[in-house]
PDB file of N, CA and C in Angstrom:
ATOM      1  N   MET A   1      63.153  81.077 144.727  1.00  0.00           N
ATOM      2  CA  MET A   1      63.051  82.688 145.355  1.00  0.00           C
ATOM      3  C   MET A   1      64.544  83.576 145.496  1.00  0.00           C
ATOM      4  N   LYS A   2      65.410  82.919 145.407  1.00  0.00           N
ATOM      5  CA  LYS A   2      66.738  83.770 145.388  1.00  0.00           C
ATOM      6  C   LYS A   2      66.657  84.300 144.437  1.00  0.00           C
ATOM      7  N   LYS A   3      66.541  83.882 142.830  1.00  0.00           N
ATOM      8  CA  LYS A   3      66.396  84.725 141.954  1.00  0.00           C
ATOM      9  C   LYS A   3      66.147  85.604 141.587  1.00  0.00           C
ATOM     10  N   PRO A   4      64.959  86.057 142.011  1.00  0.00           N
ATOM     11  CA  PRO A   4      64.531  87.453 141.892  1.00  0.00           C
ATOM     12  C   PRO A   4      65.459  88.535 142.825  1.00  0.00           C
ATOM     13  N   LEU A   5      65.633  88.240 144.113  1.00  0.00           N
ATOM     14  CA  LEU A   5      66.797  88.763 144.778  1.00  0.00           C
ATOM     15  C   LEU A   5      67.809  89.005 144.041  1.00  0.00           C
ATOM     16  N   THR A   6      68.174  88.358 143.234  1.00  0.00           N
ATOM     17  CA  THR A   6      70.147  88.548 142.785  1.00  0.00           C
ATOM     18  C   THR A   6      69.613  89.565 141.644  1.00  0.00           C
ATOM     19  N   ILE A   7      68.493  89.185 140.752  1.00  0.00           N
ATOM     20  CA  ILE A   7      67.900  90.456 139.943  1.00  0.00           C
ATOM     21  C   ILE A   7      68.139  91.641 140.222  1.00  0.00           C
ATOM     22  N   ILE A   8      67.027  91.611 141.763  1.00  0.00           N
ATOM     23  CA  ILE A   8      66.908  92.846 141.913  1.00  0.00           C
ATOM     24  C   ILE A   8      68.155  93.836 142.432  1.00  0.00           C
ATOM     25  N   VAL A   9      69.147  93.107 143.041  1.00  0.00           N
ATOM     26  CA  VAL A   9      70.252  93.516 143.738  1.00  0.00           C
ATOM     27  C   VAL A   9      71.151  94.112 142.418  1.00  0.00           C
ATOM     28  N   ILE A  10      71.437  93.250 141.825  1.00  0.00           N
ATOM     29  CA  ILE A  10      71.976  93.616 140.175  1.00  0.00           C
ATOM     30  C   ILE A  10      71.649  95.133 139.569  1.00  0.00           C
ATOM     31  N   PHE A  11      70.181  95.211 139.600  1.00  0.00           N
ATOM     32  CA  PHE A  11      69.667  96.265 139.173  1.00  0.00           C
ATOM     33  C   PHE A  11      69.596  97.303 140.009  1.00  0.00           C
ATOM     34  N   ILE A  12      69.943  97.232 141.228  1.00  0.00           N
ATOM     35  CA  ILE A  12      70.131  98.366 142.056  1.00  0.00           C
ATOM     36  C   ILE A  12      71.186  98.822 141.871  1.00  0.00           C
ATOM     37  N   ILE A  13      72.283  98.065 141.763  1.00  0.00           N
ATOM     38  CA  ILE A  13      73.959  98.140 141.719  1.00  0.00           C
ATOM     39  C   ILE A  13      73.948  99.101 140.403  1.00  0.00           C
ATOM     40  N   THR A  14      73.488  98.394 139.315  1.00  0.00           N
ATOM     41  CA  THR A  14      73.673  99.088 138.209  1.00  0.00           C
ATOM     42  C   THR A  14      73.202 100.448 138.004  1.00  0.00           C
ATOM     43  N   MET A  15      71.872 100.496 138.916  1.00  0.00           N
ATOM     44  CA  MET A  15      71.347 101.902 138.679  1.00  0.00           C
ATOM     45  C   MET A  15      71.890 102.783 139.876  1.00  0.00           C
ATOM     46  N   PHE A  16      72.343 102.366 140.852  1.00  0.00           N
ATOM     47  CA  PHE A  16      73.249 103.310 141.841  1.00  0.00           C
ATOM     48  C   PHE A  16      74.485 103.581 140.881  1.00  0.00           C
ATOM     49  N   PHE A  17      75.046 103.070 139.898  1.00  0.00           N
ATOM     50  CA  PHE A  17      76.503 103.642 139.635  1.00  0.00           C
ATOM     51  C   PHE A  17      75.741 104.721 138.131  1.00  0.00           C
ATOM     52  N   ALA A  18      74.707 103.975 137.860  1.00  0.00           N
ATOM     53  CA  ALA A  18      74.464 105.065 136.363  1.00  0.00           C
ATOM     54  C   ALA A  18      73.682 106.072 136.725  1.00  0.00           C
ATOM     55  N   CYS A  19      73.318 106.277 138.169  1.00  0.00           N
ATOM     56  CA  CYS A  19      72.564 107.604 139.047  1.00  0.00           C
ATOM     57  C   CYS A  19      73.622 108.910 139.256  1.00  0.00           C
ATOM     58  N   MET A  20      74.595 108.006 139.350  1.00  0.00           N
ATOM     59  CA  MET A  20      75.914 109.300 140.419  1.00  0.00           C
ATOM     60  C   MET A  20      76.218 110.265 139.154  1.00  0.00           C
ATOM     61  N   PRO A  21      76.182 111.164 139.449  1.00  0.00           N
ATOM     62  CA  PRO A  21      76.820 112.274 138.329  1.00  0.00           C
ATOM     63  C   PRO A  21      78.271 111.962 138.563  1.00  0.00           C
ATOM     64  N   GLU A  22      78.811 112.215 137.467  1.00  0.00           N
ATOM     65  CA  GLU A  22      80.115 111.879 137.034  1.00  0.00           C
ATOM     66  C   GLU A  22      81.112 112.911 138.075  1.00  0.00           C
ATOM     67  N   PRO A  23      81.809 112.215 139.132  1.00  0.00           N
ATOM     68  CA  PRO A  23      82.640 112.837 139.983  1.00  0.00           C
ATOM     69  C   PRO A  23      83.784 113.237 139.319  1.00  0.00           C
ATOM     70  N   LYS A  24      84.169 114.867 139.787  1.00  0.00           N
ATOM     71  CA  LYS A  24      86.028 115.402 139.261  1.00  0.00           C
ATOM     72  C   LYS A  24      86.692 114.752 140.658  1.00  0.00           C
ATOM     73  N   TYR A  25      87.804 114.449 140.067  1.00  0.00           N
ATOM     74  CA  TYR A  25      88.749 113.946 140.889  1.00  0.00           C
ATOM     75  C   TYR A  25      90.006 114.592 140.503  1.00  0.00           C
ATOM     76  N   GLU A  26      91.069 114.707 141.650  1.00  0.00           N
ATOM     77  CA  GLU A  26      92.293 115.565 141.225  1.00  0.00           C
ATOM     78  C   GLU A  26      93.093 114.182 141.021  1.00  0.00           C
ATOM     79  N   GLU A  27      92.802 113.151 141.487  1.00  0.00           N
ATOM     80  CA  GLU A  27      93.654 111.868 140.800  1.00  0.00           C
ATOM     81  C   GLU A  27      92.971 111.036 140.196  1.00  0.00           C
ATOM     82  N   ASP A  28      93.171 110.538 138.704  1.00  0.00           N
ATOM     83  CA  ASP A  28      92.366 109.561 138.023  1.00  0.00           C
ATOM     84  C   ASP A  28      91.950 108.578 138.836  1.00  0.00           C
ATOM     85  N   SER A  29      92.795 107.822 139.641  1.00  0.00           N
ATOM     86  CA  SER A  29      92.709 106.308 140.286  1.00  0.00           C
ATOM     87  C   SER A  29      92.177 106.359 141.847  1.00  0.00           C
ATOM     88  N   GLY A  30      91.760 107.863 142.260  1.00  0.00           N
ATOM     89  CA  GLY A  30      91.292 107.789 143.588  1.00  0.00           C
ATOM     90  C   GLY A  30      92.312 107.570 144.903  1.00  0.00           C
ATOM     91  N   LYS A  31      91.704 107.693 145.883  1.00  0.00           N
ATOM     92  CA  LYS A  31      92.693 107.274 147.097  1.00  0.00           C
ATOM     93  C   LYS A  31      91.968 106.158 148.116  1.00  0.00           C
ATOM     94  N   ASN A  32      92.680 105.497 148.543  1.00  0.00           N
ATOM     95  CA  ASN A  32      92.029 104.791 149.637  1.00  0.00           C
ATOM     96  C   ASN A  32      91.651 105.255 150.923  1.00  0.00           C
ATOM     97  N   VAL A  33      90.282 105.722 151.039  1.00  0.00           N
ATOM     98  CA  VAL A  33      90.148 106.272 152.309  1.00  0.00           C
ATOM     99  C   VAL A  33      89.197 105.642 152.948  1.00  0.00           C
ATOM    100  N   VAL A  34      88.515 104.768 152.841  1.00  0.00           N
ATOM    101  CA  VAL A  34      87.623 104.144 153.657  1.00  0.00           C
ATOM    102  C   VAL A  34      88.148 102.533 153.917  1.00  0.00           C
ATOM    103  N   PRO A  35      88.336 102.264 155.226  1.00  0.00           N
ATOM    104  CA  PRO A  35      88.600 100.900 155.371  1.00  0.00           C
ATOM    105  C   PRO A  35      87.605  99.715 154.600  1.00  0.00           C
ATOM    106  N   GLN A  36      88.378  98.929 154.225  1.00  0.00           N
ATOM    107  CA  GLN A  36      87.573  97.643 153.467  1.00  0.00           C
ATOM    108  C   GLN A  36      86.625  97.183 154.149  1.00  0.00           C
ATOM    109  N   ASP A  37      86.563  96.764 155.416  1.00  0.00           N
ATOM    110  CA  ASP A  37      85.351  96.421 156.208  1.00  0.00           C
ATOM    111  C   ASP A  37      84.237  97.202 156.542  1.00  0.00           C
ATOM    112  N   THR A  38      84.590  98.865 156.429  1.00  0.00           N
ATOM    113  CA  THR A  38      83.775  99.779 156.465  1.00  0.00           C
ATOM    114  C   THR A  38      83.087 100.335 155.231  1.00  0.00           C
ATOM    115  N   LEU A  39      83.906  99.722 154.132  1.00  0.00           N
ATOM    116  CA  LEU A  39      83.301  99.665 152.975  1.00  0.00           C
ATOM    117  C   LEU A  39      81.956  99.031 152.705  1.00  0.00           C
ATOM    118  N   GLU A  40      82.679  97.926 152.822  1.00  0.00           N
ATOM    119  CA  GLU A  40      81.382  96.802 152.655  1.00  0.00           C
ATOM    120  C   GLU A  40      80.360  97.074 153.601  1.00  0.00           C
ATOM    121  N   LEU A  41      80.496  97.482 154.635  1.00  0.00           N
ATOM    122  CA  LEU A  41      79.078  97.676 155.399  1.00  0.00           C
ATOM    123  C   LEU A  41      78.469  99.123 154.875  1.00  0.00           C
ATOM    124  N   MET A  42      79.206  99.978 154.374  1.00  0.00           N
ATOM    125  CA  MET A  42      78.206 101.312 153.494  1.00  0.00           C
ATOM    126  C   MET A  42      78.027 100.889 152.283  1.00  0.00           C
ATOM    127  N   ILE A  43      78.087  99.742 151.979  1.00  0.00           N
ATOM    128  CA  ILE A  43      77.763  99.298 150.606  1.00  0.00           C
ATOM    129  C   ILE A  43      76.710  98.859 150.758  1.00  0.00           C
ATOM    130  N   TYR A  44      76.361  97.947 151.632  1.00  0.00           N
ATOM    131  CA  TYR A  44      75.322  97.103 151.708  1.00  0.00           C
ATOM    132  C   TYR A  44      74.297  98.392 152.439  1.00  0.00           C
ATOM    133  N   ASP A  45      74.560  99.250 153.430  1.00  0.00           N
ATOM    134  CA  ASP A  45      73.674 100.285 153.677  1.00  0.00           C
ATOM    135  C   ASP A  45      72.963 101.070 152.370  1.00  0.00           C
ATOM    136  N   ILE A  46      73.929 101.524 151.690  1.00  0.00           N
ATOM    137  CA  ILE A  46      73.607 102.202 150.422  1.00  0.00           C
ATOM    138  C   ILE A  46      72.625 101.486 149.322  1.00  0.00           C
ATOM    139  N   HIS A  47      72.986 100.432 149.284  1.00  0.00           N
ATOM    140  CA  HIS A  47      71.867  99.396 148.216  1.00  0.00           C
ATOM    141  C   HIS A  47      70.652  99.238 149.214  1.00  0.00           C
ATOM    142  N   LEU A  48      70.941  99.215 150.162  1.00  0.00           N
ATOM    143  CA  LEU A  48      69.642  98.679 150.973  1.00  0.00           C
ATOM    144  C   LEU A  48      68.758 100.256 151.104  1.00  0.00           C
ATOM    145  N   ALA A  49      69.036 101.442 151.051  1.00  0.00           N
ATOM    146  CA  ALA A  49      68.962 102.659 150.717  1.00  0.00           C
ATOM    147  C   ALA A  49      68.027 102.951 149.427  1.00  0.00           C
ATOM    148  N   ASP A  50      68.960 102.352 148.733  1.00  0.00           N
ATOM    149  CA  ASP A  50      68.712 102.437 146.986  1.00  0.00           C
ATOM    150  C   ASP A  50      67.008 101.483 146.857  1.00  0.00           C
ATOM    151  N   ALA A  51      66.984 100.366 147.332  1.00  0.00           N
ATOM    152  CA  ALA A  51      65.934  99.696 147.595  1.00  0.00           C
ATOM    153  C   ALA A  51      64.738 100.581 148.035  1.00  0.00           C
ATOM    154  N   ILE A  52      64.775 100.935 149.311  1.00  0.00           N
ATOM    155  CA  ILE A  52      63.894 101.744 149.540  1.00  0.00           C
ATOM    156  C   ILE A  52      63.566 102.845 148.882  1.00  0.00           C
ATOM    157  N   ILE A  53      64.152 103.445 148.523  1.00  0.00           N
ATOM    158  CA  ILE A  53      64.109 104.888 147.773  1.00  0.00           C
ATOM    159  C   ILE A  53      63.333 104.211 146.257  1.00  0.00           C
ATOM    160  N   THR A  54      63.675 103.261 145.740  1.00  0.00           N
ATOM    161  CA  THR A  54      63.161 102.877 144.365  1.00  0.00           C
ATOM    162  C   THR A  54      61.946 102.038 144.646  1.00  0.00           C
ATOM    163  N   SER A  55      61.657 101.674 145.458  1.00  0.00           N
ATOM    164  CA  SER A  55      60.464 100.915 146.055  1.00  0.00           C
ATOM    165  C   SER A  55      59.286 101.999 146.489  1.00  0.00           C
ATOM    166  N   LYS A  56      59.734 103.262 146.576  1.00  0.00           N
ATOM    167  CA  LYS A  56      58.915 104.460 146.873  1.00  0.00           C
ATOM    168  C   LYS A  56      58.238 104.212 148.306  1.00  0.00           C
ATOM    169  N   ILE A  57      58.651 103.596 149.113  1.00  0.00           N
ATOM    170  CA  ILE A  57      58.303 103.263 150.653  1.00  0.00           C
ATOM    171  C   ILE A  57      58.362 104.844 150.825  1.00  0.00           C
ATOM    172  N   LEU A  58      58.965 105.812 151.183  1.00  0.00           N
ATOM    173  CA  LEU A  58      58.976 106.891 151.574  1.00  0.00           C
ATOM    174  C   LEU A  58      58.502 107.435 150.515  1.00  0.00           C
ATOM    175  N   LYS A  59      57.444 107.998 150.396  1.00  0.00           N
ATOM    176  CA  LYS A  59      56.603 108.950 149.456  1.00  0.00           C
ATOM    177  C   LYS A  59      56.305 110.487 149.958  1.00  0.00           C
ATOM    178  N   THR A  60      57.139 111.469 149.600  1.00  0.00           N
ATOM    179  CA  THR A  60      56.839 112.665 150.035  1.00  0.00           C
ATOM    180  C   THR A  60      56.757 113.539 148.440  1.00  0.00           C
ATOM    181  N   LYS A  61      56.752 115.038 148.926  1.00  0.00           N
ATOM    182  CA  LYS A  61      56.328 115.898 147.695  1.00  0.00           C
ATOM    183  C   LYS A  61      57.783 116.381 147.068  1.00  0.00           C
ATOM    184  N   ASP A  62      58.671 116.430 147.685  1.00  0.00           N
ATOM    185  CA  ASP A  62      60.355 116.183 147.464  1.00  0.00           C
ATOM    186  C   ASP A  62      60.894 115.072 147.527  1.00  0.00           C
ATOM    187  N   ASN A  63      60.927 113.880 146.922  1.00  0.00           N
ATOM    188  CA  ASN A  63      61.831 113.009 147.125  1.00  0.00           C
ATOM    189  C   ASN A  63      63.308 112.934 147.390  1.00  0.00           C
ATOM    190  N   SER A  64      63.795 114.208 146.256  1.00  0.00           N
ATOM    191  CA  SER A  64      65.266 114.435 146.001  1.00  0.00           C
ATOM    192  C   SER A  64      66.015 114.836 147.456  1.00  0.00           C
ATOM    193  N   VAL A  65      64.999 115.559 147.984  1.00  0.00           N
ATOM    194  CA  VAL A  65      65.613 116.014 149.510  1.00  0.00           C
ATOM    195  C   VAL A  65      65.940 114.791 150.740  1.00  0.00           C
ATOM    196  N   VAL A  66      64.785 114.176 150.631  1.00  0.00           N
ATOM    197  CA  VAL A  66      64.839 112.435 151.301  1.00  0.00           C
ATOM    198  C   VAL A  66      65.713 112.188 150.972  1.00  0.00           C
ATOM    199  N   ASP A  67      66.105 111.534 149.554  1.00  0.00           N
ATOM    200  CA  ASP A  67      67.084 110.724 149.187  1.00  0.00           C
ATOM    201  C   ASP A  67      68.205 111.138 149.439  1.00  0.00           C
ATOM    202  N   SER A  68      68.457 112.218 149.729  1.00  0.00           N
ATOM    203  CA  SER A  68      70.007 113.261 150.205  1.00  0.00           C
ATOM    204  C   SER A  68      70.196 112.633 151.411  1.00  0.00           C
ATOM    205  N   LEU A  69      68.728 112.954 152.198  1.00  0.00           N
ATOM    206  CA  LEU A  69      69.397 112.800 153.793  1.00  0.00           C
ATOM    207  C   LEU A  69      69.508 111.575 154.062  1.00  0.00           C
ATOM    208  N   ILE A  70      68.516 110.433 153.108  1.00  0.00           N
ATOM    209  CA  ILE A  70      69.181 108.976 153.561  1.00  0.00           C
ATOM    210  C   ILE A  70      70.733 108.765 153.177  1.00  0.00           C
ATOM    211  N   TYR A  71      71.195 109.061 152.132  1.00  0.00           N
ATOM    212  CA  TYR A  71      72.569 108.584 151.877  1.00  0.00           C
ATOM    213  C   TYR A  71      73.411 109.433 152.468  1.00  0.00           C
ATOM    214  N   GLN A  72      73.202 110.718 153.065  1.00  0.00           N
ATOM    215  CA  GLN A  72      74.094 111.537 154.136  1.00  0.00           C
ATOM    216  C   GLN A  72      74.242 110.874 155.372  1.00  0.00           C
ATOM    217  N   SER A  73      72.718 110.302 155.895  1.00  0.00           N
ATOM    218  CA  SER A  73      72.851 109.602 156.992  1.00  0.00           C
ATOM    219  C   SER A  73      73.820 108.214 157.201  1.00  0.00           C
ATOM    220  N   ILE A  74      73.821 107.822 156.048  1.00  0.00           N
ATOM    221  CA  ILE A  74      74.612 106.555 155.712  1.00  0.00           C
ATOM    222  C   ILE A  74      76.103 107.083 155.860  1.00  0.00           C
ATOM    223  N   TYR A  75      76.598 108.146 155.183  1.00  0.00           N
ATOM    224  CA  TYR A  75      77.792 108.743 155.492  1.00  0.00           C
ATOM    225  C   TYR A  75      78.399 109.351 156.758  1.00  0.00           C
ATOM    226  N   ASP A  76      77.221 109.595 157.486  1.00  0.00           N
ATOM    227  CA  ASP A  76      77.440 110.161 158.799  1.00  0.00           C
ATOM    228  C   ASP A  76      77.682 109.203 159.564  1.00  0.00           C
ATOM    229  N   LYS A  77      76.785 108.000 159.341  1.00  0.00           N
ATOM    230  CA  LYS A  77      76.988 106.672 160.316  1.00  0.00           C
ATOM    231  C   LYS A  77      78.127 106.059 160.339  1.00  0.00           C
ATOM    232  N   TYR A  78      78.973 106.347 159.354  1.00  0.00           N
ATOM    233  CA  TYR A  78      80.301 105.749 159.286  1.00  0.00           C
ATOM    234  C   TYR A  78      81.338 106.683 159.564  1.00  0.00           C
ATOM    235  N   ASN A  79      81.220 107.745 159.506  1.00  0.00           N
ATOM    236  CA  ASN A  79      82.012 108.955 159.852  1.00  0.00           C
ATOM    237  C   ASN A  79      82.686 109.060 158.717  1.00  0.00           C
ATOM    238  N   PHE A  80      82.299 109.319 157.400  1.00  0.00           N
ATOM    239  CA  PHE A  80      82.965 109.262 155.634  1.00  0.00           C
ATOM    240  C   PHE A  80      82.155 110.097 155.076  1.00  0.00           C
ATOM    241  N   SER A  81      82.915 110.996 154.310  1.00  0.00           N
ATOM    242  CA  SER A  81      81.927 111.796 153.518  1.00  0.00           C
ATOM    243  C   SER A  81      81.694 110.943 151.859  1.00  0.00           C
ATOM    244  N   ARG A  82      80.672 111.577 151.443  1.00  0.00           N
ATOM    245  CA  ARG A  82      80.371 110.910 149.849  1.00  0.00           C
ATOM    246  C   ARG A  82      81.664 110.940 148.827  1.00  0.00           C
ATOM    247  N   VAL A  83      82.217 112.104 149.103  1.00  0.00           N
ATOM    248  CA  VAL A  83      83.732 112.392 148.291  1.00  0.00           C
ATOM    249  C   VAL A  83      84.774 111.088 148.978  1.00  0.00           C
ATOM    250  N   ASP A  84      84.449 110.784 150.255  1.00  0.00           N
ATOM    251  CA  ASP A  84      85.714 109.729 150.919  1.00  0.00           C
ATOM    252  C   ASP A  84      85.231 108.183 149.981  1.00  0.00           C
ATOM    253  N   PHE A  85      83.986 108.010 150.137  1.00  0.00           N
ATOM    254  CA  PHE A  85      83.498 106.799 149.850  1.00  0.00           C
ATOM    255  C   PHE A  85      83.677 106.808 148.139  1.00  0.00           C
ATOM    256  N   ASP A  86      83.452 107.745 147.414  1.00  0.00           N
ATOM    257  CA  ASP A  86      83.367 107.703 145.637  1.00  0.00           C
ATOM    258  C   ASP A  86      85.172 107.218 145.364  1.00  0.00           C
ATOM    259  N   GLN A  87      86.093 108.518 146.146  1.00  0.00           N
ATOM    260  CA  GLN A  87      87.609 108.420 145.774  1.00  0.00           C
ATOM    261  C   GLN A  87      87.793 106.527 146.123  1.00  0.00           C
ATOM    262  N   THR A  88      87.072 106.062 147.541  1.00  0.00           N
ATOM    263  CA  THR A  88      87.294 104.422 147.688  1.00  0.00           C
ATOM    264  C   THR A  88      87.216 103.647 146.287  1.00  0.00           C
ATOM    265  N   LEU A  89      85.931 104.080 146.112  1.00  0.00           N
ATOM    266  CA  LEU A  89      85.229 103.374 144.989  1.00  0.00           C
ATOM    267  C   LEU A  89      86.062 103.201 143.821  1.00  0.00           C
ATOM    268  N   LEU A  90      86.594 104.585 143.746  1.00  0.00           N
ATOM    269  CA  LEU A  90      87.481 104.493 142.236  1.00  0.00           C
ATOM    270  C   LEU A  90      88.778 104.407 142.356  1.00  0.00           C
ATOM    271  N   TYR A  91      89.510 103.927 143.754  1.00  0.00           N
ATOM    272  CA  TYR A  91      90.577 103.655 144.342  1.00  0.00           C
ATOM    273  C   TYR A  91      90.554 101.833 143.721  1.00  0.00           C
ATOM    274  N   TYR A  92      89.586 101.266 144.343  1.00  0.00           N
ATOM    275  CA  TYR A  92      89.454 100.162 144.186  1.00  0.00           C
ATOM    276  C   TYR A  92      89.000  99.752 142.856  1.00  0.00           C
ATOM    277  N   THR A  93      88.233 100.130 141.941  1.00  0.00           N
ATOM    278  CA  THR A  93      88.283 100.345 140.393  1.00  0.00           C
ATOM    279  C   THR A  93      89.325  99.956 139.548  1.00  0.00           C
ATOM    280  N   HIS A  94      89.918 101.125 139.796  1.00  0.00           N
ATOM    281  CA  HIS A  94      91.402 101.052 139.283  1.00  0.00           C
ATOM    282  C   HIS A  94      92.367 100.392 139.631  1.00  0.00           C
ATOM    283  N   ASN A  95      92.610 100.118 140.745  1.00  0.00           N
ATOM    284  CA  ASN A  95      93.537  99.473 141.323  1.00  0.00           C
ATOM    285  C   ASN A  95      93.575  97.851 141.859  1.00  0.00           C
ATOM    286  N   HIS A  96      91.889  97.651 142.733  1.00  0.00           N
ATOM    287  CA  HIS A  96      92.011  96.381 143.260  1.00  0.00           C
ATOM    288  C   HIS A  96      90.879  95.769 142.767  1.00  0.00           C
ATOM    289  N   LEU A  97      90.375  95.591 141.240  1.00  0.00           N
ATOM    290  CA  LEU A  97      88.910  95.260 141.083  1.00  0.00           C
ATOM    291  C   LEU A  97      88.542  94.180 141.658  1.00  0.00           C
ATOM    292  N   ASP A  98      89.470  93.193 141.342  1.00  0.00           N
ATOM    293  CA  ASP A  98      89.310  91.883 142.509  1.00  0.00           C
ATOM    294  C   ASP A  98      88.868  91.922 143.771  1.00  0.00           C
ATOM    295  N   THR A  99      89.384  92.779 144.609  1.00  0.00           N
ATOM    296  CA  THR A  99      89.046  93.055 145.936  1.00  0.00           C
ATOM    297  C   THR A  99      87.352  93.589 145.803  1.00  0.00           C
ATOM    298  N   LEU A 100      87.139  94.371 145.392  1.00  0.00           N
ATOM    299  CA  LEU A 100      85.876  95.149 145.157  1.00  0.00           C
ATOM    300  C   LEU A 100      84.964  94.194 144.512  1.00  0.00           C
ATOM    301  N   ASN A 101      84.956  93.218 143.814  1.00  0.00           N
ATOM    302  CA  ASN A 101      84.186  91.928 143.619  1.00  0.00           C
ATOM    303  C   ASN A 101      84.001  91.133 144.607  1.00  0.00           C
ATOM    304  N   ALA A 102      85.332  90.994 145.329  1.00  0.00           N
ATOM    305  CA  ALA A 102      84.950  89.913 146.567  1.00  0.00           C
ATOM    306  C   ALA A 102      83.995  90.781 147.520  1.00  0.00           C
ATOM    307  N   ILE A 103      84.385  92.119 147.879  1.00  0.00           N
ATOM    308  CA  ILE A 103      83.428  92.828 148.787  1.00  0.00           C
ATOM    309  C   ILE A 103      81.842  92.964 148.223  1.00  0.00           C
ATOM    310  N   TYR A 104      81.920  93.041 146.595  1.00  0.00           N
ATOM    311  CA  TYR A 104      80.378  92.875 146.136  1.00  0.00           C
ATOM    312  C   TYR A 104      79.577  91.293 146.383  1.00  0.00           C
ATOM    313  N   ASP A 105      80.546  90.351 146.256  1.00  0.00           N
ATOM    314  CA  ASP A 105      80.046  89.274 146.388  1.00  0.00           C
ATOM    315  C   ASP A 105      79.902  89.012 148.077  1.00  0.00           C
ATOM    316  N   ARG A 106      80.276  89.557 148.901  1.00  0.00           N
ATOM    317  CA  ARG A 106      79.943  89.506 150.420  1.00  0.00           C
ATOM    318  C   ARG A 106      78.766  90.324 150.763  1.00  0.00           C
ATOM    319  N   VAL A 107      78.470  91.456 150.229  1.00  0.00           N
ATOM    320  CA  VAL A 107      77.084  92.110 150.247  1.00  0.00           C
ATOM    321  C   VAL A 107      76.122  91.409 149.548  1.00  0.00           C
ATOM    322  N   ILE A 108      76.407  90.709 148.310  1.00  0.00           N
ATOM    323  CA  ILE A 108      75.225  90.120 147.739  1.00  0.00           C
ATOM    324  C   ILE A 108      74.690  88.748 148.757  1.00  0.00           C
ATOM    325  N   SER A 109      75.795  88.169 149.687  1.00  0.00           N
ATOM    326  CA  SER A 109      75.768  87.412 150.339  1.00  0.00           C
ATOM    327  C   SER A 109      74.689  87.603 151.682  1.00  0.00           C
ATOM    328  N   LYS A 110      74.872  88.669 152.112  1.00  0.00           N
ATOM    329  CA  LYS A 110      74.078  89.110 153.233  1.00  0.00           C
ATOM    330  C   LYS A 110      72.779  89.686 152.686  1.00  0.00           C
ATOM    331  N   PHE A 111      72.496  90.163 151.784  1.00  0.00           N
ATOM    332  CA  PHE A 111      71.375  90.281 150.979  1.00  0.00           C
ATOM    333  C   PHE A 111      70.528  88.938 151.126  1.00  0.00           C
ATOM    334  N   HIS A 112      71.227  87.774 150.520  1.00  0.00           N
ATOM    335  CA  HIS A 112      70.157  86.658 150.541  1.00  0.00           C
ATOM    336  C   HIS A 112      70.167  85.956 151.705  1.00  0.00           C
ATOM    337  N   ILE A 113      70.975  86.147 153.328  1.00  0.00           N
ATOM    338  CA  ILE A 113      70.957  85.595 154.702  1.00  0.00           C
ATOM    339  C   ILE A 113      69.188  86.551 154.696  1.00  0.00           C
ATOM    340  N   ALA A 114      69.560  87.883 154.761  1.00  0.00           N
ATOM    341  CA  ALA A 114      68.707  88.539 155.045  1.00  0.00           C
ATOM    342  C   ALA A 114      66.818  88.235 154.099  1.00  0.00           C
ATOM    343  N   GLU A 115      67.412  88.111 153.277  1.00  0.00           N
ATOM    344  CA  GLU A 115      66.168  87.289 152.492  1.00  0.00           C
ATOM    345  C   GLU A 115      65.667  86.378 153.413  1.00  0.00           C
ATOM    346  N   GLY A 116      66.597  85.236 153.755  1.00  0.00           N
ATOM    347  CA  GLY A 116      65.926  83.899 154.049  1.00  0.00           C
ATOM    348  C   GLY A 116      65.345  84.438 155.745  1.00  0.00           C
ATOM    349  N   GLU A 117      65.601  85.263 156.349  1.00  0.00           N
ATOM    350  CA  GLU A 117      65.499  85.736 157.750  1.00  0.00           C
ATOM    351  C   GLU A 117      64.061  86.331 157.446  1.00  0.00           C
ATOM    352  N   ILE A 118      63.702  86.850 156.389  1.00  0.00           N
ATOM    353  CA  ILE A 118      62.364  87.788 156.245  1.00  0.00           C
ATOM    354  C   ILE A 118      61.128  86.507 155.808  1.00  0.00           C
ATOM    355  N   TYR A 119      61.845  85.335 155.236  1.00  0.00           N
ATOM    356  CA  TYR A 119      60.720  84.208 154.674  1.00  0.00           C
ATOM    357  C   TYR A 119      60.872  82.822 155.570  1.00  0.00           C
ATOM    358  N   LYS A 120      61.647  82.854 156.694  1.00  0.00           N
ATOM    359  CA  LYS A 120      61.205  81.901 157.715  1.00  0.00           C
ATOM    360  C   LYS A 120      59.955  81.462 157.905  1.00  0.00           C
TER     361      LYS A 120
END
């Protein structure tokens, strides 16, 4: 039962990065703005939002407005902007990819734990 969730999470991660518009940054490597523990929580919430959005649980006439409100609520929850989040991801991608991989490993583990709680 864990294999389908892993495939879904990988698909969501891929779609998340594929659907993001190409950001314009002053620095190619970004800045480390969001603390690592907060970044992990934000990534978890964003991928959970991606799952909700792609599953069409929220059906409206203008999904793009609802989608942006969902993402904005996540940035607001942690008191960071999308630019801060993007800059931090860019920073880790260019400077600490191993740390970013470890963050994603922990996020995936949280999804496995959540899946286990659902299917108890």
